[in-house]
């Protein structure tokens, strides 16, 4: 494995100007007061200032301690805490307090729970939708879910709650799963996306992939084709950034033009919506991606 990329430092297109304004501080205070986690903060996302300044956040439910040890992720792997039954109501209230019309909900992976946390996802979706109805507002909910260890009943539990988009990230190419996602299974993630369409052909299925972990262009295109063949409609492609020295190094920084080229390739494969760029993350500009073309 090469370590040259991390020593070179980030290229110019990966330098981000932080937006000014009080909205970032307001969102941070609100989330802290509600005792809520965001994947934005836990993963130290480069878009956090921008999204918080636009009253956008991705809520992370089921705690902040993950049962898996993916080598690209900045979320801590520790023994998880009990599920908090009050969390759905707190997420729904925070979404309303932030004035959100589009809410993204994700979680750590909870392999310790019999249903992987599916019922809790469903409770959060229903709480947000109900609060929207009570205020006579349409609130759309996108869920970024773990693989539930392939349990289709768990997936059905989430879908029965009526989310607007099911997102599950493939993350990387098949050949890199052993080093990047040792506790995940490439085909299991593809099967989850196919099962979304089997359960509800009209449900948008979304996935995301990181570029720069050492994959070849051919491997990347094979993964995009696999996603398309399994019913994935919406796609995000972004640059992998090494969170700490203990994580996998960046093998390649893709220039913006290559992300544009990958987007064209994906559209030709039949993806309806594609966001591809150095700073693109799974829920970055999620509402804009959802809107009709």
C-alpha atoms as a PDB file:
ATOM      1  CA  UNK A   1       0.000   0.000   0.000  1.00  0.00           C
ATOM      2  CA  UNK A   2       1.362   3.401  -0.996  1.00  0.00           C
ATOM      3  CA  UNK A   3       1.521   6.224   1.503  1.00  0.00           C
ATOM      4  CA  UNK A   4       2.655   8.909  -0.940  1.00  0.00           C
ATOM      5  CA  UNK A   5      -0.777  10.528  -1.237  1.00  0.00           C
ATOM      6  CA  UNK A   6      -1.062  11.473   2.421  1.00  0.00           C
ATOM      7  CA  UNK A   7       2.405  13.052   2.391  1.00  0.00           C
ATOM      8  CA  UNK A   8       1.682  15.210  -0.644  1.00  0.00           C
ATOM      9  CA  UNK A   9      -1.134  17.019   1.111  1.00  0.00           C
ATOM     10  CA  UNK A  10      -4.460  17.926  -0.389  1.00  0.00           C
ATOM     11  CA  UNK A  11      -4.609  19.427  -3.876  1.00  0.00           C
ATOM     12  CA  UNK A  12      -5.967  22.946  -4.386  1.00  0.00           C
ATOM     13  CA  UNK A  13      -9.495  21.813  -5.278  1.00  0.00           C
ATOM     14  CA  UNK A  14      -9.862  20.205  -1.844  1.00  0.00           C
ATOM     15  CA  UNK A  15      -9.281  23.419   0.088  1.00  0.00           C
ATOM     16  CA  UNK A  16     -12.642  24.578   1.428  1.00  0.00           C
ATOM     17  CA  UNK A  17     -13.590  28.092   2.533  1.00  0.00           C
ATOM     18  CA  UNK A  18     -15.715  28.024   5.657  1.00  0.00           C
ATOM     19  CA  UNK A  19     -18.902  30.095   5.422  1.00  0.00           C
ATOM     20  CA  UNK A  20     -19.508  32.811   7.973  1.00  0.00           C
ATOM     21  CA  UNK A  21     -22.734  33.572   9.805  1.00  0.00           C
ATOM     22  CA  UNK A  22     -24.622  32.639  12.931  1.00  0.00           C
ATOM     23  CA  UNK A  23     -26.632  29.750  11.455  1.00  0.00           C
ATOM     24  CA  UNK A  24     -23.816  27.262  12.009  1.00  0.00           C
ATOM     25  CA  UNK A  25     -23.644  28.150  15.709  1.00  0.00           C
ATOM     26  CA  UNK A  26     -27.453  28.072  15.990  1.00  0.00           C
ATOM     27  CA  UNK A  27     -27.705  24.581  14.507  1.00  0.00           C
ATOM     28  CA  UNK A  28     -24.865  23.338  16.710  1.00  0.00           C
ATOM     29  CA  UNK A  29     -26.560  24.718  19.830  1.00  0.00           C
ATOM     30  CA  UNK A  30     -29.926  23.231  18.894  1.00  0.00           C
ATOM     31  CA  UNK A  31     -28.471  19.778  18.255  1.00  0.00           C
ATOM     32  CA  UNK A  32     -26.468  19.868  21.466  1.00  0.00           C
ATOM     33  CA  UNK A  33     -29.474  20.980  23.498  1.00  0.00           C
ATOM     34  CA  UNK A  34     -31.580  18.175  22.038  1.00  0.00           C
ATOM     35  CA  UNK A  35     -28.828  15.644  22.810  1.00  0.00           C
ATOM     36  CA  UNK A  36     -28.740  14.576  19.169  1.00  0.00           C
ATOM     37  CA  UNK A  37     -25.840  13.317  17.096  1.00  0.00           C
ATOM     38  CA  UNK A  38     -25.194  14.186  13.477  1.00  0.00           C
ATOM     39  CA  UNK A  39     -23.034  12.155  11.144  1.00  0.00           C
ATOM     40  CA  UNK A  40     -21.765  15.562  10.011  1.00  0.00           C
ATOM     41  CA  UNK A  41     -20.026  16.148  13.336  1.00  0.00           C
ATOM     42  CA  UNK A  42     -19.090  12.547  14.109  1.00  0.00           C
ATOM     43  CA  UNK A  43     -17.465  12.015  10.701  1.00  0.00           C
ATOM     44  CA  UNK A  44     -15.949  15.516  10.658  1.00  0.00           C
ATOM     45  CA  UNK A  45     -17.496  16.157   7.250  1.00  0.00           C
ATOM     46  CA  UNK A  46     -15.878  18.903   5.127  1.00  0.00           C
ATOM     47  CA  UNK A  47     -19.345  20.233   4.192  1.00  0.00           C
ATOM     48  CA  UNK A  48     -20.544  20.645   7.778  1.00  0.00           C
ATOM     49  CA  UNK A  49     -20.210  24.447   7.966  1.00  0.00           C
ATOM     50  CA  UNK A  50     -21.924  24.881   4.605  1.00  0.00           C
ATOM     51  CA  UNK A  51     -24.812  22.538   5.395  1.00  0.00           C
ATOM     52  CA  UNK A  52     -25.368  23.848   8.928  1.00  0.00           C
ATOM     53  CA  UNK A  53     -25.417  27.368   7.490  1.00  0.00           C
ATOM     54  CA  UNK A  54     -28.256  26.217   5.201  1.00  0.00           C
ATOM     55  CA  UNK A  55     -30.189  24.618   8.110  1.00  0.00           C
ATOM     56  CA  UNK A  56     -29.297  21.139   6.854  1.00  0.00           C
ATOM     57  CA  UNK A  57     -28.046  18.277   8.979  1.00  0.00           C
ATOM     58  CA  UNK A  58     -28.030  14.488   8.800  1.00  0.00           C
ATOM     59  CA  UNK A  59     -29.288  13.061  12.082  1.00  0.00           C
ATOM     60  CA  UNK A  60     -27.454   9.997  13.361  1.00  0.00           C
ATOM     61  CA  UNK A  61     -29.687   7.780  15.468  1.00  0.00           C
ATOM     62  CA  UNK A  62     -29.057   4.725  17.660  1.00  0.00           C
ATOM     63  CA  UNK A  63     -26.104   6.326  19.439  1.00  0.00           C
ATOM     64  CA  UNK A  64     -22.623   7.296  18.305  1.00  0.00           C
ATOM     65  CA  UNK A  65     -20.876   3.973  18.922  1.00  0.00           C
ATOM     66  CA  UNK A  66     -20.680   1.514  16.034  1.00  0.00           C
ATOM     67  CA  UNK A  67     -20.395  -2.266  16.158  1.00  0.00           C
ATOM     68  CA  UNK A  68     -18.230  -2.394  13.014  1.00  0.00           C
ATOM     69  CA  UNK A  69     -14.655  -1.315  12.340  1.00  0.00           C
ATOM     70  CA  UNK A  70     -14.564   0.081   8.790  1.00  0.00           C
ATOM     71  CA  UNK A  71     -11.094   1.448   8.090  1.00  0.00           C
ATOM     72  CA  UNK A  72     -12.273   4.607   6.301  1.00  0.00           C
ATOM     73  CA  UNK A  73     -14.766   5.829   8.886  1.00  0.00           C
ATOM     74  CA  UNK A  74     -14.229   8.321  11.703  1.00  0.00           C
ATOM     75  CA  UNK A  75     -17.126   7.049  13.839  1.00  0.00           C
ATOM     76  CA  UNK A  76     -15.988   5.178  16.932  1.00  0.00           C
ATOM     77  CA  UNK A  77     -16.330   1.420  17.212  1.00  0.00           C
ATOM     78  CA  UNK A  78     -17.205   0.707  20.853  1.00  0.00           C
ATOM     79  CA  UNK A  79     -19.796  -1.347  22.716  1.00  0.00           C
ATOM     80  CA  UNK A  80     -23.089   0.459  21.969  1.00  0.00           C
ATOM     81  CA  UNK A  81     -25.552   1.904  24.449  1.00  0.00           C
ATOM     82  CA  UNK A  82     -29.219   0.913  24.875  1.00  0.00           C
ATOM     83  CA  UNK A  83     -31.665   2.351  22.331  1.00  0.00           C
ATOM     84  CA  UNK A  84     -33.181   5.648  23.507  1.00  0.00           C
ATOM     85  CA  UNK A  85     -36.992   5.478  23.151  1.00  0.00           C
ATOM     86  CA  UNK A  86     -37.291   9.285  23.289  1.00  0.00           C
ATOM     87  CA  UNK A  87     -34.963   9.832  20.328  1.00  0.00           C
ATOM     88  CA  UNK A  88     -37.646   9.741  17.563  1.00  0.00           C
ATOM     89  CA  UNK A  89     -39.569  12.596  19.220  1.00  0.00           C
ATOM     90  CA  UNK A  90     -36.377  14.612  19.733  1.00  0.00           C
ATOM     91  CA  UNK A  91     -35.307  14.183  16.114  1.00  0.00           C
ATOM     92  CA  UNK A  92     -38.754  15.217  14.872  1.00  0.00           C
ATOM     93  CA  UNK A  93     -38.804  18.304  17.107  1.00  0.00           C
ATOM     94  CA  UNK A  94     -35.280  19.309  16.056  1.00  0.00           C
ATOM     95  CA  UNK A  95     -36.250  18.933  12.391  1.00  0.00           C
ATOM     96  CA  UNK A  96     -39.200  21.263  12.956  1.00  0.00           C
ATOM     97  CA  UNK A  97     -37.129  23.733  15.006  1.00  0.00           C
ATOM     98  CA  UNK A  98     -34.611  23.880  12.149  1.00  0.00           C
ATOM     99  CA  UNK A  99     -37.409  24.437   9.633  1.00  0.00           C
ATOM    100  CA  UNK A 100     -36.359  21.430   7.547  1.00  0.00           C
ATOM    101  CA  UNK A 101     -38.475  20.306   4.606  1.00  0.00           C
ATOM    102  CA  UNK A 102     -36.136  17.422   3.802  1.00  0.00           C
ATOM    103  CA  UNK A 103     -34.627  15.328   6.595  1.00  0.00           C
ATOM    104  CA  UNK A 104     -31.848  12.768   6.265  1.00  0.00           C
ATOM    105  CA  UNK A 105     -31.579  10.113   8.982  1.00  0.00           C
ATOM    106  CA  UNK A 106     -28.710   7.651   9.278  1.00  0.00           C
ATOM    107  CA  UNK A 107     -27.265   5.496  12.039  1.00  0.00           C
ATOM    108  CA  UNK A 108     -24.278   3.641  13.272  1.00  0.00           C
ATOM    109  CA  UNK A 109     -24.434  -0.080  12.503  1.00  0.00           C
ATOM    110  CA  UNK A 110     -26.098  -1.969  15.358  1.00  0.00           C
ATOM    111  CA  UNK A 111     -25.388  -5.643  14.765  1.00  0.00           C
ATOM    112  CA  UNK A 112     -26.106  -6.146  18.480  1.00  0.00           C
ATOM    113  CA  UNK A 113     -29.840  -5.490  17.975  1.00  0.00           C
ATOM    114  CA  UNK A 114     -32.076  -8.320  16.684  1.00  0.00           C
ATOM    115  CA  UNK A 115     -33.488  -6.127  13.885  1.00  0.00           C
ATOM    116  CA  UNK A 116     -30.359  -3.985  13.442  1.00  0.00           C
ATOM    117  CA  UNK A 117     -32.324  -0.971  14.651  1.00  0.00           C
ATOM    118  CA  UNK A 118     -34.976  -1.135  11.917  1.00  0.00           C
ATOM    119  CA  UNK A 119     -37.924  -0.541  14.266  1.00  0.00           C
ATOM    120  CA  UNK A 120     -36.166   2.528  15.657  1.00  0.00           C
ATOM    121  CA  UNK A 121     -35.610   3.866  12.120  1.00  0.00           C
ATOM    122  CA  UNK A 122     -39.326   3.329  11.482  1.00  0.00           C
ATOM    123  CA  UNK A 123     -40.270   5.166  14.680  1.00  0.00           C
ATOM    124  CA  UNK A 124     -38.098   8.144  13.680  1.00  0.00           C
ATOM    125  CA  UNK A 125     -39.629   8.281  10.181  1.00  0.00           C
ATOM    126  CA  UNK A 126     -43.172   8.159  11.601  1.00  0.00           C
ATOM    127  CA  UNK A 127     -42.429  10.798  14.241  1.00  0.00           C
ATOM    128  CA  UNK A 128     -41.062  13.231  11.629  1.00  0.00           C
ATOM    129  CA  UNK A 129     -43.940  12.600   9.222  1.00  0.00           C
ATOM    130  CA  UNK A 130     -46.551  12.997  11.970  1.00  0.00           C
ATOM    131  CA  UNK A 131     -45.056  16.239  13.217  1.00  0.00           C
ATOM    132  CA  UNK A 132     -45.102  17.549   9.660  1.00  0.00           C
ATOM    133  CA  UNK A 133     -48.762  16.585   9.240  1.00  0.00           C
ATOM    134  CA  UNK A 134     -49.665  18.198  12.570  1.00  0.00           C
ATOM    135  CA  UNK A 135     -48.111  21.449  11.304  1.00  0.00           C
ATOM    136  CA  UNK A 136     -49.710  20.978   7.863  1.00  0.00           C
ATOM    137  CA  UNK A 137     -46.296  20.643   6.221  1.00  0.00           C
ATOM    138  CA  UNK A 138     -44.903  18.046   3.852  1.00  0.00           C
ATOM    139  CA  UNK A 139     -41.593  16.800   5.197  1.00  0.00           C
ATOM    140  CA  UNK A 140     -39.654  14.320   3.122  1.00  0.00           C
ATOM    141  CA  UNK A 141     -37.430  11.790   4.859  1.00  0.00           C
ATOM    142  CA  UNK A 142     -34.408  10.064   3.357  1.00  0.00           C
ATOM    143  CA  UNK A 143     -32.895   7.227   5.369  1.00  0.00           C
ATOM    144  CA  UNK A 144     -29.305   6.095   4.962  1.00  0.00           C
ATOM    145  CA  UNK A 145     -29.460   2.601   6.397  1.00  0.00           C
ATOM    146  CA  UNK A 146     -26.966  -0.138   7.321  1.00  0.00           C
ATOM    147  CA  UNK A 147     -27.262  -3.541   5.656  1.00  0.00           C
ATOM    148  CA  UNK A 148     -29.268  -5.102   8.544  1.00  0.00           C
ATOM    149  CA  UNK A 149     -27.115  -8.203   7.885  1.00  0.00           C
ATOM    150  CA  UNK A 150     -29.310  -8.981   4.889  1.00  0.00           C
ATOM    151  CA  UNK A 151     -32.554  -9.236   6.878  1.00  0.00           C
ATOM    152  CA  UNK A 152     -35.336  -8.382   4.421  1.00  0.00           C
ATOM    153  CA  UNK A 153     -37.903  -8.173   7.240  1.00  0.00           C
ATOM    154  CA  UNK A 154     -35.846  -5.399   8.834  1.00  0.00           C
ATOM    155  CA  UNK A 155     -35.756  -3.567   5.506  1.00  0.00           C
ATOM    156  CA  UNK A 156     -39.523  -4.027   5.166  1.00  0.00           C
ATOM    157  CA  UNK A 157     -40.019  -2.550   8.666  1.00  0.00           C
ATOM    158  CA  UNK A 158     -38.206   0.619   7.564  1.00  0.00           C
ATOM    159  CA  UNK A 159     -40.010   0.848   4.223  1.00  0.00           C
ATOM    160  CA  UNK A 160     -43.447   0.341   5.794  1.00  0.00           C
ATOM    161  CA  UNK A 161     -42.905   3.576   7.730  1.00  0.00           C
ATOM    162  CA  UNK A 162     -43.039   5.483   4.438  1.00  0.00           C
ATOM    163  CA  UNK A 163     -39.636   7.095   3.823  1.00  0.00           C
ATOM    164  CA  UNK A 164     -39.185   9.000   0.560  1.00  0.00           C
ATOM    165  CA  UNK A 165     -35.727   7.647  -0.324  1.00  0.00           C
ATOM    166  CA  UNK A 166     -33.833   4.542   0.827  1.00  0.00           C
ATOM    167  CA  UNK A 167     -30.081   5.115   0.730  1.00  0.00           C
ATOM    168  CA  UNK A 168     -27.491   2.427   1.379  1.00  0.00           C
ATOM    169  CA  UNK A 169     -23.862   3.022   0.513  1.00  0.00           C
ATOM    170  CA  UNK A 170     -21.829   0.448  -1.370  1.00  0.00           C
ATOM    171  CA  UNK A 171     -18.833   2.603  -0.247  1.00  0.00           C
ATOM    172  CA  UNK A 172     -16.095   1.000  -2.371  1.00  0.00           C
ATOM    173  CA  UNK A 173     -15.386  -1.599  -5.064  1.00  0.00           C
ATOM    174  CA  UNK A 174     -15.695  -5.323  -4.346  1.00  0.00           C
ATOM    175  CA  UNK A 175     -11.955  -6.029  -4.302  1.00  0.00           C
ATOM    176  CA  UNK A 176     -11.359  -3.471  -1.528  1.00  0.00           C
ATOM    177  CA  UNK A 177     -13.993  -4.766   0.901  1.00  0.00           C
ATOM    178  CA  UNK A 178     -11.525  -7.004   2.741  1.00  0.00           C
ATOM    179  CA  UNK A 179      -9.306  -4.076   3.683  1.00  0.00           C
ATOM    180  CA  UNK A 180     -11.889  -1.280   3.881  1.00  0.00           C
ATOM    181  CA  UNK A 181     -15.110  -2.961   5.084  1.00  0.00           C
ATOM    182  CA  UNK A 182     -14.068  -6.304   6.599  1.00  0.00           C
ATOM    183  CA  UNK A 183     -17.420  -6.909   8.313  1.00  0.00           C
ATOM    184  CA  UNK A 184     -19.537  -6.005   5.273  1.00  0.00           C
ATOM    185  CA  UNK A 185     -20.354  -8.048   2.168  1.00  0.00           C
ATOM    186  CA  UNK A 186     -20.427  -6.432  -1.286  1.00  0.00           C
ATOM    187  CA  UNK A 187     -23.200  -8.639  -2.669  1.00  0.00           C
ATOM    188  CA  UNK A 188     -25.279  -8.220   0.497  1.00  0.00           C
ATOM    189  CA  UNK A 189     -25.309  -4.457  -0.048  1.00  0.00           C
ATOM    190  CA  UNK A 190     -26.300  -4.914  -3.695  1.00  0.00           C
ATOM    191  CA  UNK A 191     -29.059  -7.332  -2.666  1.00  0.00           C
ATOM    192  CA  UNK A 192     -30.443  -4.763  -0.214  1.00  0.00           C
ATOM    193  CA  UNK A 193     -30.857  -2.249  -3.045  1.00  0.00           C
ATOM    194  CA  UNK A 194     -32.528  -4.892  -5.227  1.00  0.00           C
ATOM    195  CA  UNK A 195     -34.869  -5.768  -2.355  1.00  0.00           C
ATOM    196  CA  UNK A 196     -35.905  -2.108  -2.055  1.00  0.00           C
ATOM    197  CA  UNK A 197     -37.260  -2.337  -5.605  1.00  0.00           C
ATOM    198  CA  UNK A 198     -38.814  -5.753  -4.986  1.00  0.00           C
ATOM    199  CA  UNK A 199     -40.727  -4.420  -1.993  1.00  0.00           C
ATOM    200  CA  UNK A 200     -41.704  -1.156  -3.696  1.00  0.00           C
ATOM    201  CA  UNK A 201     -40.744  -0.507  -7.342  1.00  0.00           C
ATOM    202  CA  UNK A 202     -41.582   3.202  -6.901  1.00  0.00           C
ATOM    203  CA  UNK A 203     -39.233   3.761  -3.945  1.00  0.00           C
ATOM    204  CA  UNK A 204     -36.098   5.686  -5.001  1.00  0.00           C
ATOM    205  CA  UNK A 205     -33.003   3.625  -4.187  1.00  0.00           C
ATOM    206  CA  UNK A 206     -29.788   5.546  -3.622  1.00  0.00           C
ATOM    207  CA  UNK A 207     -26.179   4.588  -3.022  1.00  0.00           C
ATOM    208  CA  UNK A 208     -22.779   6.199  -2.675  1.00  0.00           C
ATOM    209  CA  UNK A 209     -19.167   5.353  -3.365  1.00  0.00           C
ATOM    210  CA  UNK A 210     -15.859   6.852  -2.275  1.00  0.00           C
ATOM    211  CA  UNK A 211     -13.082   7.290  -4.826  1.00  0.00           C
ATOM    212  CA  UNK A 212      -9.392   7.234  -3.972  1.00  0.00           C
ATOM    213  CA  UNK A 213      -8.963   4.071  -1.889  1.00  0.00           C
ATOM    214  CA  UNK A 214      -6.856   2.409  -4.585  1.00  0.00           C
ATOM    215  CA  UNK A 215      -9.570   1.206  -6.957  1.00  0.00           C
ATOM    216  CA  UNK A 216      -8.976   1.160 -10.710  1.00  0.00           C
ATOM    217  CA  UNK A 217     -11.251   2.940 -13.170  1.00  0.00           C
ATOM    218  CA  UNK A 218     -12.428  -0.449 -14.460  1.00  0.00           C
ATOM    219  CA  UNK A 219     -13.320  -1.571 -10.924  1.00  0.00           C
ATOM    220  CA  UNK A 220     -15.162   1.681 -10.311  1.00  0.00           C
ATOM    221  CA  UNK A 221     -17.192   1.324 -13.502  1.00  0.00           C
ATOM    222  CA  UNK A 222     -17.977  -2.308 -12.637  1.00  0.00           C
ATOM    223  CA  UNK A 223     -19.365  -1.169  -9.274  1.00  0.00           C
ATOM    224  CA  UNK A 224     -21.470   1.548 -10.924  1.00  0.00           C
ATOM    225  CA  UNK A 225     -22.841  -1.046 -13.355  1.00  0.00           C
ATOM    226  CA  UNK A 226     -23.552  -3.464 -10.495  1.00  0.00           C
ATOM    227  CA  UNK A 227     -25.521  -0.718  -8.699  1.00  0.00           C
ATOM    228  CA  UNK A 228     -27.480   0.096 -11.860  1.00  0.00           C
ATOM    229  CA  UNK A 229     -28.206  -3.604 -12.446  1.00  0.00           C
ATOM    230  CA  UNK A 230     -29.600  -3.922  -8.922  1.00  0.00           C
ATOM    231  CA  UNK A 231     -32.110  -1.081  -9.317  1.00  0.00           C
ATOM    232  CA  UNK A 232     -30.185   1.854  -7.876  1.00  0.00           C
ATOM    233  CA  UNK A 233     -31.651   5.143  -9.214  1.00  0.00           C
ATOM    234  CA  UNK A 234     -29.589   7.795  -7.434  1.00  0.00           C
ATOM    235  CA  UNK A 235     -25.834   7.922  -6.982  1.00  0.00           C
ATOM    236  CA  UNK A 236     -23.255   9.957  -5.106  1.00  0.00           C
ATOM    237  CA  UNK A 237     -19.512   9.770  -5.843  1.00  0.00           C
ATOM    238  CA  UNK A 238     -17.036  11.643  -3.655  1.00  0.00           C
ATOM    239  CA  UNK A 239     -13.368  11.795  -2.743  1.00  0.00           C
ATOM    240  CA  UNK A 240     -12.191   9.651   0.145  1.00  0.00           C
ATOM    241  CA  UNK A 241     -10.289  11.720   2.707  1.00  0.00           C
ATOM    242  CA  UNK A 242      -8.225  10.032   5.414  1.00  0.00           C
ATOM    243  CA  UNK A 243      -9.749  11.012   8.799  1.00  0.00           C
ATOM    244  CA  UNK A 244      -6.664  10.114  10.883  1.00  0.00           C
ATOM    245  CA  UNK A 245      -3.291   8.403  10.480  1.00  0.00           C
ATOM    246  CA  UNK A 246      -4.926   5.197  11.742  1.00  0.00           C
ATOM    247  CA  UNK A 247      -7.284   5.049   8.776  1.00  0.00           C
ATOM    248  CA  UNK A 248      -6.604   3.869   5.237  1.00  0.00           C
ATOM    249  CA  UNK A 249      -4.423   6.321   3.302  1.00  0.00           C
ATOM    250  CA  UNK A 250      -5.637   8.175   0.226  1.00  0.00           C
ATOM    251  CA  UNK A 251      -4.190   6.418  -2.812  1.00  0.00           C
ATOM    252  CA  UNK A 252      -5.405   8.973  -5.352  1.00  0.00           C
ATOM    253  CA  UNK A 253      -6.927  12.435  -5.389  1.00  0.00           C
ATOM    254  CA  UNK A 254      -9.369  12.503  -8.307  1.00  0.00           C
ATOM    255  CA  UNK A 255      -9.485  15.891 -10.081  1.00  0.00           C
ATOM    256  CA  UNK A 256     -12.912  17.547 -10.548  1.00  0.00           C
ATOM    257  CA  UNK A 257     -12.911  16.734 -14.281  1.00  0.00           C
ATOM    258  CA  UNK A 258     -12.658  13.025 -13.525  1.00  0.00           C
ATOM    259  CA  UNK A 259     -15.665  13.247 -11.207  1.00  0.00           C
ATOM    260  CA  UNK A 260     -17.567  14.962 -14.051  1.00  0.00           C
ATOM    261  CA  UNK A 261     -16.542  12.154 -16.385  1.00  0.00           C
ATOM    262  CA  UNK A 262     -17.702   9.527 -13.880  1.00  0.00           C
ATOM    263  CA  UNK A 263     -21.053  11.322 -13.621  1.00  0.00           C
ATOM    264  CA  UNK A 264     -21.469  11.142 -17.406  1.00  0.00           C
ATOM    265  CA  UNK A 265     -20.602   7.442 -17.337  1.00  0.00           C
ATOM    266  CA  UNK A 266     -23.183   6.829 -14.584  1.00  0.00           C
ATOM    267  CA  UNK A 267     -25.913   8.722 -16.441  1.00  0.00           C
ATOM    268  CA  UNK A 268     -25.268   6.631 -19.550  1.00  0.00           C
ATOM    269  CA  UNK A 269     -25.748   3.529 -17.383  1.00  0.00           C
ATOM    270  CA  UNK A 270     -29.236   4.757 -16.511  1.00  0.00           C
ATOM    271  CA  UNK A 271     -28.892   6.483 -13.125  1.00  0.00           C
ATOM    272  CA  UNK A 272     -31.639   9.091 -12.854  1.00  0.00           C
ATOM    273  CA  UNK A 273     -29.762  11.405 -10.474  1.00  0.00           C
ATOM    274  CA  UNK A 274     -26.003  11.676  -9.988  1.00  0.00           C
ATOM    275  CA  UNK A 275     -23.927  13.914  -7.731  1.00  0.00           C
ATOM    276  CA  UNK A 276     -20.209  13.480  -8.347  1.00  0.00           C
ATOM    277  CA  UNK A 277     -17.401  15.696  -7.082  1.00  0.00           C
ATOM    278  CA  UNK A 278     -14.533  15.945  -4.613  1.00  0.00           C
ATOM    279  CA  UNK A 279     -16.762  17.144  -1.747  1.00  0.00           C
ATOM    280  CA  UNK A 280     -19.851  15.103  -2.549  1.00  0.00           C
ATOM    281  CA  UNK A 281     -21.007  12.998   0.389  1.00  0.00           C
ATOM    282  CA  UNK A 282     -23.954  10.673   0.730  1.00  0.00           C
ATOM    283  CA  UNK A 283     -26.425  13.282   1.959  1.00  0.00           C
ATOM    284  CA  UNK A 284     -24.792  16.390   0.470  1.00  0.00           C
ATOM    285  CA  UNK A 285     -27.452  18.398  -1.387  1.00  0.00           C
ATOM    286  CA  UNK A 286     -29.813  15.449  -0.869  1.00  0.00           C
ATOM    287  CA  UNK A 287     -32.916  17.588  -1.268  1.00  0.00           C
ATOM    288  CA  UNK A 288     -31.717  19.009  -4.594  1.00  0.00           C
ATOM    289  CA  UNK A 289     -30.888  15.495  -5.820  1.00  0.00           C
ATOM    290  CA  UNK A 290     -34.407  14.337  -4.919  1.00  0.00           C
ATOM    291  CA  UNK A 291     -36.152  17.094  -6.914  1.00  0.00           C
ATOM    292  CA  UNK A 292     -37.545  16.159 -10.357  1.00  0.00           C
ATOM    293  CA  UNK A 293     -35.087  16.874 -13.162  1.00  0.00           C
END
